[in-house]
């Protein structure tokens, strides 16, 4: 590692990782990604102790001091090459002949940063209020909002300051973002939204998001528990409607060759009971029509199961009262 005799020199010291001219960031600069690219480049240069070359803190030494000048010239060229190599081909040709890394950086900022661009700032604010959760998960909704907030801060060139005015400004910004977050939530979050708004003081946007996440986890847990409890009831309904006549469907008459009864009770041999009367709408004609057409959609056992399941989930009525619904065995169940 090179050493510098003057400890107060404004030129940063070289490191063992300064020789490489490899790409410092994962994506090259295009006309659309300056904000993300510049932040990645700042982190990369700061990690190599070369950030001073793009901030202007590394001043060009006097040419009379040959040692310091050669040091600055070498490291300035290195940082400049890092910047140029991190640009797309269509962009680099417009900046590669500038004499210093600082001038390259400033030219890029003036060209692509859009700091103070009121049209873009307005567009972001409009997106923030129009962005709704709809079919997005809570996590994706929050991440989309956060990305817009960060871009807004970058365009406004907001920096952290101290003092009472700065604290009040941050408080107002947090409140505004809590409102923006809550405004786009689905109606399912109405209760927890009201609880957040009633808190005093109003929580920060991250605290509000944490409260929403906890509520979502609680609902998921309750839904899983409810599904586990309902499973035996659904199974009972399925079994009931899959075999609505119970064991009678397994009976078979050797005389008339029909199911549903045995030879001992066959009406062809013994006649109808003296007190037998068909119920309205349940005679042979109806049975024949159902058999011929396949039944109506309302008679479909699967539809009945779904209806019963909906009843279970909304009214929570006991299993016994639900399973009791369905056809019961009687004289009119004998069909030929």
Protein backbone atom coordinates (compact mmCIF):
# COMPACT_ATOMS: atom_id res chain seq x y z
CA UNK A 1 0.00 0.00 0.00
CA UNK A 2 1.26 3.46 -0.86
CA UNK A 3 1.86 5.93 1.92
CA UNK A 4 1.46 9.67 1.96
CA UNK A 5 3.94 11.76 3.90
CA UNK A 6 1.49 14.55 4.65
CA UNK A 7 -1.20 13.11 6.95
CA UNK A 8 -3.41 16.13 6.38
CA UNK A 9 -3.52 15.56 2.62
CA UNK A 10 -6.99 15.68 1.06
CA UNK A 11 -6.15 12.79 -1.28
CA UNK A 12 -7.40 9.41 0.06
CA UNK A 13 -4.93 6.60 0.52
CA UNK A 14 -4.81 3.78 -1.99
CA UNK A 15 -5.99 0.31 -1.03
CA UNK A 16 -5.16 -3.18 -2.21
CA UNK A 17 -8.49 -3.42 -4.04
CA UNK A 18 -8.01 -0.23 -6.10
CA UNK A 19 -6.22 -1.86 -9.04
CA UNK A 20 -9.26 -3.73 -10.36
CA UNK A 21 -11.31 -2.02 -13.05
CA UNK A 22 -14.13 -4.55 -12.84
CA UNK A 23 -17.74 -3.40 -12.87
CA UNK A 24 -18.55 -2.11 -9.37
CA UNK A 25 -22.34 -2.36 -9.65
CA UNK A 26 -24.58 -5.11 -10.96
CA UNK A 27 -26.41 -2.95 -13.54
CA UNK A 28 -24.99 -0.36 -15.90
CA UNK A 29 -26.40 3.14 -16.06
CA UNK A 30 -29.23 3.69 -18.53
CA UNK A 31 -31.53 6.63 -19.08
CA UNK A 32 -34.11 5.06 -16.74
CA UNK A 33 -32.21 3.82 -13.66
CA UNK A 34 -30.07 6.72 -12.47
CA UNK A 35 -31.50 6.84 -8.96
CA UNK A 36 -30.79 3.17 -8.21
CA UNK A 37 -27.47 3.20 -10.10
CA UNK A 38 -26.13 6.28 -8.31
CA UNK A 39 -26.98 4.88 -4.87
CA UNK A 40 -25.22 1.60 -5.69
CA UNK A 41 -22.18 3.47 -6.99
CA UNK A 42 -21.99 5.67 -3.87
CA UNK A 43 -21.94 2.57 -1.67
CA UNK A 44 -19.29 0.89 -3.84
CA UNK A 45 -16.98 3.92 -3.85
CA UNK A 46 -17.46 4.58 -0.15
CA UNK A 47 -16.50 0.97 0.58
CA UNK A 48 -13.25 1.52 -1.33
CA UNK A 49 -12.53 4.85 0.39
CA UNK A 50 -12.89 6.74 -2.89
CA UNK A 51 -16.13 8.62 -2.32
CA UNK A 52 -14.20 11.92 -2.00
CA UNK A 53 -13.45 11.85 -5.71
CA UNK A 54 -17.10 12.28 -6.71
CA UNK A 55 -18.05 14.65 -3.88
CA UNK A 56 -15.21 17.06 -4.70
CA UNK A 57 -13.48 16.66 -1.34
CA UNK A 58 -10.39 15.17 -2.98
CA UNK A 59 -8.93 18.41 -4.31
CA UNK A 60 -6.49 18.47 -7.18
CA UNK A 61 -3.04 19.21 -5.67
CA UNK A 62 -0.72 21.87 -6.98
CA UNK A 63 1.36 20.70 -9.94
CA UNK A 64 4.43 21.93 -8.09
CA UNK A 65 4.01 19.02 -5.64
CA UNK A 66 4.81 16.24 -8.08
CA UNK A 67 4.27 13.37 -5.63
CA UNK A 68 0.82 14.47 -4.48
CA UNK A 69 -0.25 15.40 -8.00
CA UNK A 70 0.75 12.00 -9.39
CA UNK A 71 -1.16 10.36 -6.54
CA UNK A 72 -4.34 12.34 -7.24
CA UNK A 73 -4.04 11.87 -11.00
CA UNK A 74 -3.71 8.09 -10.63
CA UNK A 75 -6.66 7.66 -8.29
CA UNK A 76 -8.84 10.13 -10.19
CA UNK A 77 -8.25 8.10 -13.35
CA UNK A 78 -9.15 4.91 -11.49
CA UNK A 79 -12.46 6.31 -10.20
CA UNK A 80 -13.23 7.82 -13.60
CA UNK A 81 -12.72 4.42 -15.23
CA UNK A 82 -15.04 2.81 -12.69
CA UNK A 83 -17.73 5.35 -13.55
CA UNK A 84 -17.29 5.02 -17.32
CA UNK A 85 -17.27 1.21 -17.20
CA UNK A 86 -20.54 1.27 -15.24
CA UNK A 87 -22.39 3.12 -18.02
CA UNK A 88 -24.20 1.73 -21.04
CA UNK A 89 -22.47 2.20 -24.40
CA UNK A 90 -24.88 4.88 -25.53
CA UNK A 91 -24.22 7.01 -22.43
CA UNK A 92 -20.49 6.64 -21.78
CA UNK A 93 -19.41 8.33 -25.02
CA UNK A 94 -20.92 11.60 -23.78
CA UNK A 95 -18.95 11.65 -20.50
CA UNK A 96 -15.67 9.79 -20.99
CA UNK A 97 -13.64 12.85 -22.02
CA UNK A 98 -14.38 14.92 -18.93
CA UNK A 99 -11.15 15.58 -16.97
CA UNK A 100 -12.14 14.40 -13.47
CA UNK A 101 -14.38 11.91 -11.70
CA UNK A 102 -16.10 14.79 -9.93
CA UNK A 103 -17.02 16.48 -13.22
CA UNK A 104 -18.29 13.17 -14.62
CA UNK A 105 -20.45 12.63 -11.56
CA UNK A 106 -21.86 16.15 -11.59
CA UNK A 107 -22.64 15.95 -15.31
CA UNK A 108 -24.51 12.68 -14.76
CA UNK A 109 -26.46 14.16 -11.86
CA UNK A 110 -27.49 17.22 -13.84
CA UNK A 111 -28.52 15.07 -16.80
CA UNK A 112 -30.40 12.20 -15.15
CA UNK A 113 -31.19 12.89 -11.50
CA UNK A 114 -34.41 14.91 -12.07
CA UNK A 115 -33.91 16.49 -8.62
CA UNK A 116 -36.51 19.21 -8.32
CA UNK A 117 -38.40 17.92 -11.37
CA UNK A 118 -41.89 19.06 -10.44
CA UNK A 119 -43.61 16.99 -13.09
CA UNK A 120 -42.03 13.80 -11.77
CA UNK A 121 -42.71 14.80 -8.16
CA UNK A 122 -46.37 15.40 -9.02
CA UNK A 123 -46.53 12.06 -10.83
CA UNK A 124 -45.19 10.21 -7.77
CA UNK A 125 -47.61 11.93 -5.39
CA UNK A 126 -50.46 11.04 -7.73
CA UNK A 127 -49.35 7.39 -7.81
CA UNK A 128 -49.11 7.28 -4.02
CA UNK A 129 -52.75 8.27 -3.58
CA UNK A 130 -54.01 6.14 -6.47
CA UNK A 131 -52.12 2.99 -5.48
CA UNK A 132 -54.64 0.56 -3.93
CA UNK A 133 -54.05 -2.89 -2.47
CA UNK A 134 -56.76 -4.64 -4.51
CA UNK A 135 -55.45 -8.15 -5.28
CA UNK A 136 -51.92 -7.52 -3.97
CA UNK A 137 -50.65 -9.08 -0.78
CA UNK A 138 -50.10 -6.71 2.15
CA UNK A 139 -46.32 -7.10 1.78
CA UNK A 140 -46.26 -6.24 -1.94
CA UNK A 141 -48.58 -3.29 -1.38
CA UNK A 142 -46.31 -1.86 1.31
CA UNK A 143 -43.16 -2.42 -0.77
CA UNK A 144 -44.68 -0.59 -3.75
CA UNK A 145 -45.57 2.35 -1.51
CA UNK A 146 -42.08 2.39 0.04
CA UNK A 147 -40.40 2.50 -3.38
CA UNK A 148 -42.44 5.57 -4.31
CA UNK A 149 -41.65 7.25 -0.98
CA UNK A 150 -37.93 6.73 -1.45
CA UNK A 151 -37.99 8.10 -4.99
CA UNK A 152 -39.96 11.10 -3.79
CA UNK A 153 -37.36 11.84 -1.10
CA UNK A 154 -34.56 11.55 -3.65
CA UNK A 155 -36.25 13.99 -6.01
CA UNK A 156 -36.95 16.42 -3.18
CA UNK A 157 -33.30 16.04 -2.09
CA UNK A 158 -34.42 15.59 1.49
CA UNK A 159 -31.63 15.29 4.05
CA UNK A 160 -31.77 14.68 7.79
CA UNK A 161 -31.22 17.74 9.93
CA UNK A 162 -31.39 18.37 13.66
CA UNK A 163 -33.46 20.80 15.66
CA UNK A 164 -37.11 21.32 16.52
CA UNK A 165 -38.11 22.30 12.98
CA UNK A 166 -36.52 19.17 11.53
CA UNK A 167 -38.29 16.95 14.06
CA UNK A 168 -41.64 18.56 13.26
CA UNK A 169 -41.00 18.11 9.54
CA UNK A 170 -40.25 14.40 10.00
CA UNK A 171 -43.36 13.99 12.15
CA UNK A 172 -45.58 15.55 9.48
CA UNK A 173 -43.98 13.40 6.79
CA UNK A 174 -44.60 10.23 8.82
CA UNK A 175 -48.24 11.15 9.45
CA UNK A 176 -48.82 11.82 5.77
CA UNK A 177 -47.37 8.44 4.84
CA UNK A 178 -49.45 6.62 7.43
CA UNK A 179 -52.55 8.17 5.84
CA UNK A 180 -51.35 7.18 2.37
CA UNK A 181 -50.71 3.60 3.53
CA UNK A 182 -54.09 3.21 5.24
CA UNK A 183 -56.05 4.89 2.44
CA UNK A 184 -55.22 2.18 -0.09
CA UNK A 185 -55.99 -0.85 2.08
CA UNK A 186 -58.86 -3.19 1.27
CA UNK A 187 -62.09 -2.98 3.26
CA UNK A 188 -61.09 -6.13 5.15
CA UNK A 189 -58.70 -3.94 7.17
CA UNK A 190 -61.33 -1.39 8.24
CA UNK A 191 -61.23 -2.42 11.91
CA UNK A 192 -57.47 -2.36 12.32
CA UNK A 193 -57.29 0.85 10.27
CA UNK A 194 -59.64 2.52 12.75
CA UNK A 195 -57.54 1.29 15.67
CA UNK A 196 -54.37 2.74 14.15
CA UNK A 197 -56.00 6.12 13.50
CA UNK A 198 -57.31 6.27 17.07
CA UNK A 199 -53.87 5.81 18.63
CA UNK A 200 -52.26 8.82 20.26
CA UNK A 201 -49.69 9.67 19.13
CA UNK A 202 -50.16 8.28 15.63
CA UNK A 203 -47.66 5.45 15.02
CA UNK A 204 -44.93 5.76 12.40
CA UNK A 205 -45.50 4.21 8.99
CA UNK A 206 -43.30 1.23 9.91
CA UNK A 207 -45.14 0.73 13.19
CA UNK A 208 -48.48 0.92 11.35
CA UNK A 209 -47.29 -1.69 8.88
CA UNK A 210 -46.19 -3.94 11.74
CA UNK A 211 -49.67 -3.68 13.30
CA UNK A 212 -51.24 -4.62 9.97
CA UNK A 213 -48.91 -7.59 9.59
CA UNK A 214 -49.78 -8.86 13.07
CA UNK A 215 -53.49 -8.59 12.29
CA UNK A 216 -53.04 -10.47 9.02
CA UNK A 217 -51.12 -13.26 10.78
CA UNK A 218 -53.87 -13.51 13.41
CA UNK A 219 -56.54 -13.88 10.73
CA UNK A 220 -54.59 -16.56 8.91
CA UNK A 221 -54.21 -18.51 12.15
CA UNK A 222 -57.94 -18.27 12.90
CA UNK A 223 -58.82 -19.38 9.36
CA UNK A 224 -56.59 -22.44 9.66
CA UNK A 225 -58.15 -23.37 13.00
CA UNK A 226 -61.67 -22.92 11.61
CA UNK A 227 -60.88 -25.14 8.63
CA UNK A 228 -59.54 -27.86 10.92
CA UNK A 229 -62.72 -27.81 13.04
CA UNK A 230 -65.04 -27.86 10.01
CA UNK A 231 -63.39 -30.86 8.36
CA UNK A 232 -65.38 -33.60 10.26
CA UNK A 233 -68.64 -31.77 9.51
CA UNK A 234 -67.84 -31.54 5.81
CA UNK A 235 -66.94 -35.23 5.76
CA UNK A 236 -70.27 -36.12 7.35
CA UNK A 237 -72.15 -34.05 4.79
CA UNK A 238 -70.24 -35.62 1.94
CA UNK A 239 -71.03 -39.12 3.15
CA UNK A 240 -74.69 -38.25 3.71
CA UNK A 241 -75.31 -36.78 0.25
CA UNK A 242 -73.22 -39.39 -1.53
CA UNK A 243 -75.66 -42.04 -0.26
CA UNK A 244 -78.86 -40.09 0.51
CA UNK A 245 -81.04 -43.17 0.98
CA UNK A 246 -78.73 -44.86 3.40
CA UNK A 247 -78.65 -48.65 3.37
CA UNK A 248 -81.84 -48.97 1.27
CA UNK A 249 -79.87 -48.31 -1.93
CA UNK A 250 -78.06 -51.61 -1.31
CA UNK A 251 -81.33 -53.65 -1.24
CA UNK A 252 -82.36 -55.66 -4.34
CA UNK A 253 -85.56 -57.51 -5.26
CA UNK A 254 -85.06 -60.92 -6.90
CA UNK A 255 -88.64 -60.84 -8.23
CA UNK A 256 -88.94 -57.49 -10.08
CA UNK A 257 -85.17 -57.02 -10.46
CA UNK A 258 -85.27 -53.51 -8.98
CA UNK A 259 -83.20 -52.01 -6.17
CA UNK A 260 -84.47 -50.26 -3.05
CA UNK A 261 -86.45 -53.17 -1.57
CA UNK A 262 -86.49 -56.96 -1.22
CA UNK A 263 -88.82 -59.71 -2.44
CA UNK A 264 -90.53 -59.76 0.98
CA UNK A 265 -91.83 -56.20 0.49
CA UNK A 266 -92.25 -56.17 -3.28
CA UNK A 267 -95.51 -54.47 -4.25
CA UNK A 268 -95.80 -56.63 -7.37
CA UNK A 269 -96.21 -59.67 -5.09
CA UNK A 270 -97.89 -58.18 -2.04
CA UNK A 271 -99.58 -55.04 -3.37
CA UNK A 272 -99.35 -51.52 -1.95
CA UNK A 273 -100.10 -50.95 1.72
CA UNK A 274 -103.74 -50.05 2.35
CA UNK A 275 -102.84 -46.74 3.97
CA UNK A 276 -100.24 -45.73 1.36
CA UNK A 277 -100.68 -42.28 -0.19
CA UNK A 278 -98.11 -40.66 -2.49
CA UNK A 279 -96.80 -37.25 -1.38
CA UNK A 280 -97.36 -34.38 -3.77
CA UNK A 281 -94.57 -34.10 -6.34
CA UNK A 282 -92.92 -37.33 -5.22
CA UNK A 283 -94.77 -39.93 -7.33
CA UNK A 284 -93.43 -42.27 -9.96
CA UNK A 285 -93.78 -39.68 -12.69
CA UNK A 286 -91.44 -37.34 -10.87
CA UNK A 287 -88.97 -40.10 -10.15
CA UNK A 288 -89.02 -41.21 -13.77
CA UNK A 289 -88.48 -37.64 -14.97
CA UNK A 290 -85.52 -37.11 -12.66
CA UNK A 291 -84.03 -40.40 -13.73
CA UNK A 292 -84.54 -39.51 -17.35
CA UNK A 293 -83.14 -35.98 -17.26
CA UNK A 294 -80.48 -36.45 -14.63
CA UNK A 295 -82.16 -34.13 -12.12
CA UNK A 296 -82.05 -30.38 -11.69
CA UNK A 297 -78.91 -28.49 -10.60
CA UNK A 298 -80.53 -27.89 -7.23
CA UNK A 299 -80.75 -31.68 -6.71
CA UNK A 300 -77.04 -32.20 -7.43
CA UNK A 301 -75.47 -33.67 -4.26
CA UNK A 302 -72.34 -31.54 -4.79
CA UNK A 303 -74.43 -28.37 -4.83
CA UNK A 304 -76.15 -29.46 -1.65
CA UNK A 305 -72.77 -30.08 -0.01
CA UNK A 306 -71.58 -26.59 -0.97
CA UNK A 307 -74.80 -25.06 0.38
CA UNK A 308 -74.39 -26.88 3.66
CA UNK A 309 -70.72 -25.86 3.91
CA UNK A 310 -71.66 -22.21 3.40
CA UNK A 311 -74.29 -22.56 6.13
CA UNK A 312 -71.71 -24.02 8.49
CA UNK A 313 -69.22 -21.22 7.92
CA UNK A 314 -71.71 -18.37 8.27
CA UNK A 315 -74.10 -19.51 10.98
CA UNK A 316 -71.89 -22.03 12.80
CA UNK A 317 -74.97 -24.20 13.47
CA UNK A 318 -74.28 -27.59 15.08
CA UNK A 319 -73.37 -30.54 12.89
CA UNK A 320 -76.33 -32.64 14.04
CA UNK A 321 -78.90 -30.08 12.89
CA UNK A 322 -77.25 -29.82 9.47
CA UNK A 323 -76.85 -33.53 8.83
CA UNK A 324 -80.49 -34.00 9.72
CA UNK A 325 -81.38 -32.29 6.43
CA UNK A 326 -81.89 -34.62 3.47
CA UNK A 327 -84.27 -37.35 2.43
CA UNK A 328 -85.70 -39.62 5.14
CA UNK A 329 -86.89 -43.16 4.68
CA UNK A 330 -90.67 -43.56 4.32
CA UNK A 331 -93.33 -45.38 2.37
CA UNK A 332 -92.96 -43.08 -0.60
CA UNK A 333 -89.25 -43.95 -0.98
CA UNK A 334 -90.22 -47.25 -2.57
CA UNK A 335 -89.87 -46.63 -6.31
CA UNK A 336 -90.33 -49.04 -9.20
